[in-house]
Amino acid sequence: MNKQLISVLTDVFGLRASQIVPELTKDQVGSWDSLKQMDLVMSLEREFDISLEITDIVKLNSVANINEVLIEKGVKLEA
């Protein structure tokens, strides 16, 4: 897992790094509501210097999908 992405997800959702796995979904994170979704979007845009469109934002419902969107945006996700 990419350290920058883990850092963003732990900061936004208050999770431990060990909890951040590709299989983790929005439904498994109690604090992942609509406000946290926007916090996630802004944090990803700032951290990775990207701009997310509505179609991208809708896809951000699991760690695996977040990885996929970042790669589509040209982000290099080395561990």
PDB file of N, CA and C in Angstrom:
ATOM      1  N   MET A   1       0.846  -1.202   0.000  1.00  0.00           N
ATOM      2  CA  MET A   1       0.000   0.000   0.000  1.00  0.00           C
ATOM      3  C   MET A   1       0.882   1.253   0.000  1.00  0.00           C
ATOM      4  N   ASN A   2       0.404   2.242  -0.696  1.00  0.00           N
ATOM      5  CA  ASN A   2       1.105   3.520  -0.794  1.00  0.00           C
ATOM      6  C   ASN A   2       1.036   4.273   0.540  1.00  0.00           C
ATOM      7  N   LYS A   3       2.191   4.719   1.022  1.00  0.00           N
ATOM      8  CA  LYS A   3       2.259   5.386   2.328  1.00  0.00           C
ATOM      9  C   LYS A   3       1.487   6.696   2.355  1.00  0.00           C
ATOM     10  N   GLN A   4       1.521   7.448   1.248  1.00  0.00           N
ATOM     11  CA  GLN A   4       0.768   8.709   1.195  1.00  0.00           C
ATOM     12  C   GLN A   4      -0.731   8.443   1.301  1.00  0.00           C
ATOM     13  N   LEU A   5      -1.202   7.435   0.594  1.00  0.00           N
ATOM     14  CA  LEU A   5      -2.632   7.107   0.627  1.00  0.00           C
ATOM     15  C   LEU A   5      -3.037   6.627   2.015  1.00  0.00           C
ATOM     16  N   ILE A   6      -2.228   5.781   2.620  1.00  0.00           N
ATOM     17  CA  ILE A   6      -2.510   5.319   3.980  1.00  0.00           C
ATOM     18  C   ILE A   6      -2.599   6.509   4.930  1.00  0.00           C
ATOM     19  N   SER A   7      -1.688   7.450   4.784  1.00  0.00           N
ATOM     20  CA  SER A   7      -1.681   8.639   5.638  1.00  0.00           C
ATOM     21  C   SER A   7      -2.969   9.442   5.477  1.00  0.00           C
ATOM     22  N   VAL A   8      -3.400   9.644   4.238  1.00  0.00           N
ATOM     23  CA  VAL A   8      -4.648  10.378   3.983  1.00  0.00           C
ATOM     24  C   VAL A   8      -5.827   9.654   4.627  1.00  0.00           C
ATOM     25  N   LEU A   9      -5.919   8.351   4.409  1.00  0.00           N
ATOM     26  CA  LEU A   9      -7.061   7.591   4.927  1.00  0.00           C
ATOM     27  C   LEU A   9      -7.073   7.527   6.448  1.00  0.00           C
ATOM     28  N   THR A  10      -5.913   7.392   7.082  1.00  0.00           N
ATOM     29  CA  THR A  10      -5.881   7.389   8.544  1.00  0.00           C
ATOM     30  C   THR A  10      -6.271   8.756   9.100  1.00  0.00           C
ATOM     31  N   ASP A  11      -5.825   9.822   8.440  1.00  0.00           N
ATOM     32  CA  ASP A  11      -6.173  11.172   8.893  1.00  0.00           C
ATOM     33  C   ASP A  11      -7.666  11.458   8.730  1.00  0.00           C
ATOM     34  N   VAL A  12      -8.215  11.121   7.575  1.00  0.00           N
ATOM     35  CA  VAL A  12      -9.614  11.445   7.290  1.00  0.00           C
ATOM     36  C   VAL A  12     -10.570  10.618   8.145  1.00  0.00           C
ATOM     37  N   PHE A  13     -10.304   9.321   8.262  1.00  0.00           N
ATOM     38  CA  PHE A  13     -11.269   8.427   8.917  1.00  0.00           C
ATOM     39  C   PHE A  13     -10.892   8.027  10.334  1.00  0.00           C
ATOM     40  N   GLY A  14      -9.723   8.445  10.819  1.00  0.00           N
ATOM     41  CA  GLY A  14      -9.328   8.109  12.177  1.00  0.00           C
ATOM     42  C   GLY A  14      -9.043   6.630  12.365  1.00  0.00           C
ATOM     43  N   LEU A  15      -8.569   5.989  11.319  1.00  0.00           N
ATOM     44  CA  LEU A  15      -8.245   4.560  11.384  1.00  0.00           C
ATOM     45  C   LEU A  15      -6.763   4.361  11.652  1.00  0.00           C
ATOM     46  N   ARG A  16      -6.403   3.143  12.056  1.00  0.00           N
ATOM     47  CA  ARG A  16      -4.998   2.773  12.187  1.00  0.00           C
ATOM     48  C   ARG A  16      -4.498   2.319  10.817  1.00  0.00           C
ATOM     49  N   ALA A  17      -3.218   2.501  10.562  1.00  0.00           N
ATOM     50  CA  ALA A  17      -2.635   2.107   9.274  1.00  0.00           C
ATOM     51  C   ALA A  17      -2.879   0.630   8.991  1.00  0.00           C
ATOM     52  N   SER A  18      -2.865  -0.194  10.019  1.00  0.00           N
ATOM     53  CA  SER A  18      -3.067  -1.637   9.834  1.00  0.00           C
ATOM     54  C   SER A  18      -4.483  -1.972   9.349  1.00  0.00           C
ATOM     55  N   GLN A  19      -5.417  -1.039   9.520  1.00  0.00           N
ATOM     56  CA  GLN A  19      -6.792  -1.256   9.078  1.00  0.00           C
ATOM     57  C   GLN A  19      -6.995  -0.930   7.599  1.00  0.00           C
ATOM     58  N   ILE A  20      -6.041  -0.245   7.003  1.00  0.00           N
ATOM     59  CA  ILE A  20      -6.168   0.187   5.613  1.00  0.00           C
ATOM     60  C   ILE A  20      -5.707  -0.940   4.694  1.00  0.00           C
ATOM     61  N   VAL A  21      -6.667  -1.643   4.139  1.00  0.00           N
ATOM     62  CA  VAL A  21      -6.401  -2.742   3.205  1.00  0.00           C
ATOM     63  C   VAL A  21      -7.273  -2.518   1.968  1.00  0.00           C
ATOM     64  N   PRO A  22      -6.863  -3.050   0.806  1.00  0.00           N
ATOM     65  CA  PRO A  22      -7.643  -2.823  -0.416  1.00  0.00           C
ATOM     66  C   PRO A  22      -9.109  -3.238  -0.303  1.00  0.00           C
ATOM     67  N   GLU A  23      -9.392  -4.232   0.508  1.00  0.00           N
ATOM     68  CA  GLU A  23     -10.754  -4.747   0.637  1.00  0.00           C
ATOM     69  C   GLU A  23     -11.663  -3.854   1.481  1.00  0.00           C
ATOM     70  N   LEU A  24     -11.099  -2.869   2.171  1.00  0.00           N
ATOM     71  CA  LEU A  24     -11.887  -2.004   3.051  1.00  0.00           C
ATOM     72  C   LEU A  24     -12.863  -1.157   2.231  1.00  0.00           C
ATOM     73  N   THR A  25     -14.135  -1.198   2.620  1.00  0.00           N
ATOM     74  CA  THR A  25     -15.163  -0.447   1.902  1.00  0.00           C
ATOM     75  C   THR A  25     -15.799   0.612   2.798  1.00  0.00           C
ATOM     76  N   LYS A  26     -16.517   1.507   2.145  1.00  0.00           N
ATOM     77  CA  LYS A  26     -17.221   2.579   2.838  1.00  0.00           C
ATOM     78  C   LYS A  26     -18.160   2.023   3.911  1.00  0.00           C
ATOM     79  N   ASP A  27     -18.835   0.917   3.614  1.00  0.00           N
ATOM     80  CA  ASP A  27     -19.799   0.330   4.550  1.00  0.00           C
ATOM     81  C   ASP A  27     -19.146  -0.203   5.827  1.00  0.00           C
ATOM     82  N   GLN A  28     -17.849  -0.466   5.783  1.00  0.00           N
ATOM     83  CA  GLN A  28     -17.138  -1.010   6.945  1.00  0.00           C
ATOM     84  C   GLN A  28     -16.566   0.072   7.853  1.00  0.00           C
ATOM     85  N   VAL A  29     -16.670   1.332   7.427  1.00  0.00           N
ATOM     86  CA  VAL A  29     -16.093   2.441   8.192  1.00  0.00           C
ATOM     87  C   VAL A  29     -17.237   3.322   8.692  1.00  0.00           C
ATOM     88  N   GLY A  30     -17.489   3.247   9.988  1.00  0.00           N
ATOM     89  CA  GLY A  30     -18.613   3.981  10.567  1.00  0.00           C
ATOM     90  C   GLY A  30     -18.555   5.482  10.354  1.00  0.00           C
ATOM     91  N   SER A  31     -17.350   6.043  10.309  1.00  0.00           N
ATOM     92  CA  SER A  31     -17.216   7.495  10.164  1.00  0.00           C
ATOM     93  C   SER A  31     -17.259   7.965   8.712  1.00  0.00           C
ATOM     94  N   TRP A  32     -17.396   7.048   7.746  1.00  0.00           N
ATOM     95  CA  TRP A  32     -17.355   7.400   6.327  1.00  0.00           C
ATOM     96  C   TRP A  32     -18.742   7.828   5.865  1.00  0.00           C
ATOM     97  N   ASP A  33     -19.080   9.075   6.152  1.00  0.00           N
ATOM     98  CA  ASP A  33     -20.362   9.629   5.736  1.00  0.00           C
ATOM     99  C   ASP A  33     -20.129  10.651   4.617  1.00  0.00           C
ATOM    100  N   SER A  34     -21.154  11.396   4.258  1.00  0.00           N
ATOM    101  CA  SER A  34     -21.018  12.332   3.132  1.00  0.00           C
ATOM    102  C   SER A  34     -20.023  13.454   3.417  1.00  0.00           C
ATOM    103  N   LEU A  35     -19.959  13.909   4.652  1.00  0.00           N
ATOM    104  CA  LEU A  35     -18.975  14.948   4.989  1.00  0.00           C
ATOM    105  C   LEU A  35     -17.557  14.411   4.915  1.00  0.00           C
ATOM    106  N   LYS A  36     -17.357  13.199   5.418  1.00  0.00           N
ATOM    107  CA  LYS A  36     -16.024  12.586   5.338  1.00  0.00           C
ATOM    108  C   LYS A  36     -15.655  12.284   3.888  1.00  0.00           C
ATOM    109  N   GLN A  37     -16.649  11.995   3.057  1.00  0.00           N
ATOM    110  CA  GLN A  37     -16.384  11.753   1.639  1.00  0.00           C
ATOM    111  C   GLN A  37     -15.784  13.019   1.007  1.00  0.00           C
ATOM    112  N   MET A  38     -16.345  14.183   1.331  1.00  0.00           N
ATOM    113  CA  MET A  38     -15.812  15.432   0.781  1.00  0.00           C
ATOM    114  C   MET A  38     -14.433  15.747   1.374  1.00  0.00           C
ATOM    115  N   ASP A  39     -14.242  15.432   2.643  1.00  0.00           N
ATOM    116  CA  ASP A  39     -12.930  15.575   3.273  1.00  0.00           C
ATOM    117  C   ASP A  39     -11.914  14.688   2.549  1.00  0.00           C
ATOM    118  N   LEU A  40     -12.327  13.465   2.228  1.00  0.00           N
ATOM    119  CA  LEU A  40     -11.471  12.534   1.491  1.00  0.00           C
ATOM    120  C   LEU A  40     -11.105  13.112   0.130  1.00  0.00           C
ATOM    121  N   VAL A  41     -12.087  13.629  -0.579  1.00  0.00           N
ATOM    122  CA  VAL A  41     -11.849  14.203  -1.916  1.00  0.00           C
ATOM    123  C   VAL A  41     -10.838  15.345  -1.833  1.00  0.00           C
ATOM    124  N   MET A  42     -11.066  16.268  -0.916  1.00  0.00           N
ATOM    125  CA  MET A  42     -10.157  17.413  -0.793  1.00  0.00           C
ATOM    126  C   MET A  42      -8.758  16.971  -0.379  1.00  0.00           C
ATOM    127  N   SER A  43      -8.682  16.003   0.516  1.00  0.00           N
ATOM    128  CA  SER A  43      -7.376  15.507   0.971  1.00  0.00           C
ATOM    129  C   SER A  43      -6.625  14.807  -0.150  1.00  0.00           C
ATOM    130  N   LEU A  44      -7.329  13.999  -0.945  1.00  0.00           N
ATOM    131  CA  LEU A  44      -6.679  13.324  -2.078  1.00  0.00           C
ATOM    132  C   LEU A  44      -6.208  14.332  -3.118  1.00  0.00           C
ATOM    133  N   GLU A  45      -7.044  15.319  -3.402  1.00  0.00           N
ATOM    134  CA  GLU A  45      -6.666  16.337  -4.388  1.00  0.00           C
ATOM    135  C   GLU A  45      -5.420  17.101  -3.931  1.00  0.00           C
ATOM    136  N   ARG A  46      -5.379  17.451  -2.668  1.00  0.00           N
ATOM    137  CA  ARG A  46      -4.244  18.201  -2.124  1.00  0.00           C
ATOM    138  C   ARG A  46      -2.985  17.336  -2.072  1.00  0.00           C
ATOM    139  N   GLU A  47      -3.105  16.129  -1.564  1.00  0.00           N
ATOM    140  CA  GLU A  47      -1.954  15.254  -1.375  1.00  0.00           C
ATOM    141  C   GLU A  47      -1.325  14.825  -2.696  1.00  0.00           C
ATOM    142  N   PHE A  48      -2.167  14.535  -3.689  1.00  0.00           N
ATOM    143  CA  PHE A  48      -1.655  13.993  -4.951  1.00  0.00           C
ATOM    144  C   PHE A  48      -1.690  15.005  -6.092  1.00  0.00           C
ATOM    145  N   ASP A  49      -2.064  16.261  -5.799  1.00  0.00           N
ATOM    146  CA  ASP A  49      -2.090  17.338  -6.784  1.00  0.00           C
ATOM    147  C   ASP A  49      -2.904  16.940  -8.017  1.00  0.00           C
ATOM    148  N   ILE A  50      -4.137  16.518  -7.766  1.00  0.00           N
ATOM    149  CA  ILE A  50      -5.045  16.101  -8.838  1.00  0.00           C
ATOM    150  C   ILE A  50      -6.370  16.836  -8.668  1.00  0.00           C
ATOM    151  N   SER A  51      -7.211  16.732  -9.686  1.00  0.00           N
ATOM    152  CA  SER A  51      -8.558  17.273  -9.617  1.00  0.00           C
ATOM    153  C   SER A  51      -9.522  16.133  -9.901  1.00  0.00           C
ATOM    154  N   LEU A  52     -10.440  15.906  -8.992  1.00  0.00           N
ATOM    155  CA  LEU A  52     -11.395  14.810  -9.135  1.00  0.00           C
ATOM    156  C   LEU A  52     -12.726  15.322  -9.658  1.00  0.00           C
ATOM    157  N   GLU A  53     -13.270  14.619 -10.639  1.00  0.00           N
ATOM    158  CA  GLU A  53     -14.574  14.944 -11.210  1.00  0.00           C
ATOM    159  C   GLU A  53     -15.659  14.177 -10.437  1.00  0.00           C
ATOM    160  N   ILE A  54     -16.903  14.539 -10.658  1.00  0.00           N
ATOM    161  CA  ILE A  54     -18.015  13.861  -9.985  1.00  0.00           C
ATOM    162  C   ILE A  54     -17.976  12.353 -10.259  1.00  0.00           C
ATOM    163  N   THR A  55     -17.680  11.963 -11.494  1.00  0.00           N
ATOM    164  CA  THR A  55     -17.639  10.533 -11.826  1.00  0.00           C
ATOM    165  C   THR A  55     -16.551   9.814 -11.034  1.00  0.00           C
ATOM    166  N   ASP A  56     -15.446  10.511 -10.748  1.00  0.00           N
ATOM    167  CA  ASP A  56     -14.384   9.930  -9.923  1.00  0.00           C
ATOM    168  C   ASP A  56     -14.846   9.813  -8.475  1.00  0.00           C
ATOM    169  N   ILE A  57     -15.468  10.862  -7.980  1.00  0.00           N
ATOM    170  CA  ILE A  57     -15.878  10.930  -6.573  1.00  0.00           C
ATOM    171  C   ILE A  57     -16.869   9.807  -6.245  1.00  0.00           C
ATOM    172  N   VAL A  58     -17.769   9.511  -7.167  1.00  0.00           N
ATOM    173  CA  VAL A  58     -18.756   8.455  -6.965  1.00  0.00           C
ATOM    174  C   VAL A  58     -18.073   7.094  -6.801  1.00  0.00           C
ATOM    175  N   LYS A  59     -16.931   6.912  -7.453  1.00  0.00           N
ATOM    176  CA  LYS A  59     -16.202   5.641  -7.394  1.00  0.00           C
ATOM    177  C   LYS A  59     -15.452   5.443  -6.076  1.00  0.00           C
ATOM    178  N   LEU A  60     -15.269   6.505  -5.310  1.00  0.00           N
ATOM    179  CA  LEU A  60     -14.452   6.432  -4.095  1.00  0.00           C
ATOM    180  C   LEU A  60     -15.222   5.783  -2.951  1.00  0.00           C
ATOM    181  N   ASN A  61     -15.481   4.475  -3.078  1.00  0.00           N
ATOM    182  CA  ASN A  61     -16.250   3.783  -2.039  1.00  0.00           C
ATOM    183  C   ASN A  61     -15.516   2.589  -1.444  1.00  0.00           C
ATOM    184  N   SER A  62     -14.254   2.423  -1.812  1.00  0.00           N
ATOM    185  CA  SER A  62     -13.399   1.392  -1.218  1.00  0.00           C
ATOM    186  C   SER A  62     -11.947   1.784  -1.447  1.00  0.00           C
ATOM    187  N   VAL A  63     -11.067   1.199  -0.672  1.00  0.00           N
ATOM    188  CA  VAL A  63      -9.643   1.493  -0.838  1.00  0.00           C
ATOM    189  C   VAL A  63      -9.176   1.054  -2.229  1.00  0.00           C
ATOM    190  N   ALA A  64      -9.648  -0.095  -2.692  1.00  0.00           N
ATOM    191  CA  ALA A  64      -9.265  -0.585  -4.022  1.00  0.00           C
ATOM    192  C   ALA A  64      -9.707   0.400  -5.107  1.00  0.00           C
ATOM    193  N   ASN A  65     -10.923   0.922  -4.989  1.00  0.00           N
ATOM    194  CA  ASN A  65     -11.416   1.876  -5.984  1.00  0.00           C
ATOM    195  C   ASN A  65     -10.693   3.205  -5.901  1.00  0.00           C
ATOM    196  N   ILE A  66     -10.316   3.634  -4.707  1.00  0.00           N
ATOM    197  CA  ILE A  66      -9.533   4.858  -4.563  1.00  0.00           C
ATOM    198  C   ILE A  66      -8.201   4.684  -5.289  1.00  0.00           C
ATOM    199  N   ASN A  67      -7.555   3.533  -5.084  1.00  0.00           N
ATOM    200  CA  ASN A  67      -6.307   3.233  -5.801  1.00  0.00           C
ATOM    201  C   ASN A  67      -6.522   3.339  -7.306  1.00  0.00           C
ATOM    202  N   GLU A  68      -7.597   2.734  -7.789  1.00  0.00           N
ATOM    203  CA  GLU A  68      -7.897   2.711  -9.224  1.00  0.00           C
ATOM    204  C   GLU A  68      -8.075   4.127  -9.780  1.00  0.00           C
ATOM    205  N   VAL A  69      -8.829   4.956  -9.077  1.00  0.00           N
ATOM    206  CA  VAL A  69      -9.062   6.335  -9.523  1.00  0.00           C
ATOM    207  C   VAL A  69      -7.739   7.109  -9.550  1.00  0.00           C
ATOM    208  N   LEU A  70      -6.922   6.937  -8.520  1.00  0.00           N
ATOM    209  CA  LEU A  70      -5.643   7.648  -8.491  1.00  0.00           C
ATOM    210  C   LEU A  70      -4.760   7.231  -9.657  1.00  0.00           C
ATOM    211  N   ILE A  71      -4.721   5.953  -9.962  1.00  0.00           N
ATOM    212  CA  ILE A  71      -3.921   5.469 -11.088  1.00  0.00           C
ATOM    213  C   ILE A  71      -4.462   6.051 -12.394  1.00  0.00           C
ATOM    214  N   GLU A  72      -5.794   6.094 -12.547  1.00  0.00           N
ATOM    215  CA  GLU A  72      -6.415   6.688 -13.734  1.00  0.00           C
ATOM    216  C   GLU A  72      -6.031   8.150 -13.882  1.00  0.00           C
ATOM    217  N   LYS A  73      -5.809   8.831 -12.762  1.00  0.00           N
ATOM    218  CA  LYS A  73      -5.412  10.240 -12.772  1.00  0.00           C
ATOM    219  C   LYS A  73      -3.908  10.428 -12.974  1.00  0.00           C
ATOM    220  N   GLY A  74      -3.199   9.314 -13.157  1.00  0.00           N
ATOM    221  CA  GLY A  74      -1.759   9.399 -13.441  1.00  0.00           C
ATOM    222  C   GLY A  74      -0.871   9.404 -12.207  1.00  0.00           C
ATOM    223  N   VAL A  75      -1.446   9.095 -11.045  1.00  0.00           N
ATOM    224  CA  VAL A  75      -0.666   9.056  -9.810  1.00  0.00           C
ATOM    225  C   VAL A  75       0.119   7.748  -9.772  1.00  0.00           C
ATOM    226  N   LYS A  76       1.402   7.843  -9.483  1.00  0.00           N
ATOM    227  CA  LYS A  76       2.254   6.660  -9.335  1.00  0.00           C
ATOM    228  C   LYS A  76       2.144   6.203  -7.884  1.00  0.00           C
ATOM    229  N   LEU A  77       1.621   5.008  -7.680  1.00  0.00           N
ATOM    230  CA  LEU A  77       1.364   4.513  -6.317  1.00  0.00           C
ATOM    231  C   LEU A  77       2.366   3.456  -5.906  1.00  0.00           C
ATOM    232  N   GLU A  78       3.631   3.840  -5.832  1.00  0.00           N
ATOM    233  CA  GLU A  78       4.627   2.913  -5.302  1.00  0.00           C
ATOM    234  C   GLU A  78       4.399   2.759  -3.808  1.00  0.00           C
ATOM    235  N   ALA A  79       4.764   1.623  -3.299  1.00  0.00           N
ATOM    236  CA  ALA A  79       4.579   1.360  -1.862  1.00  0.00           C
ATOM    237  C   ALA A  79       5.493   2.235  -1.033  1.00  0.00           C
TER     238      ALA A  79
END
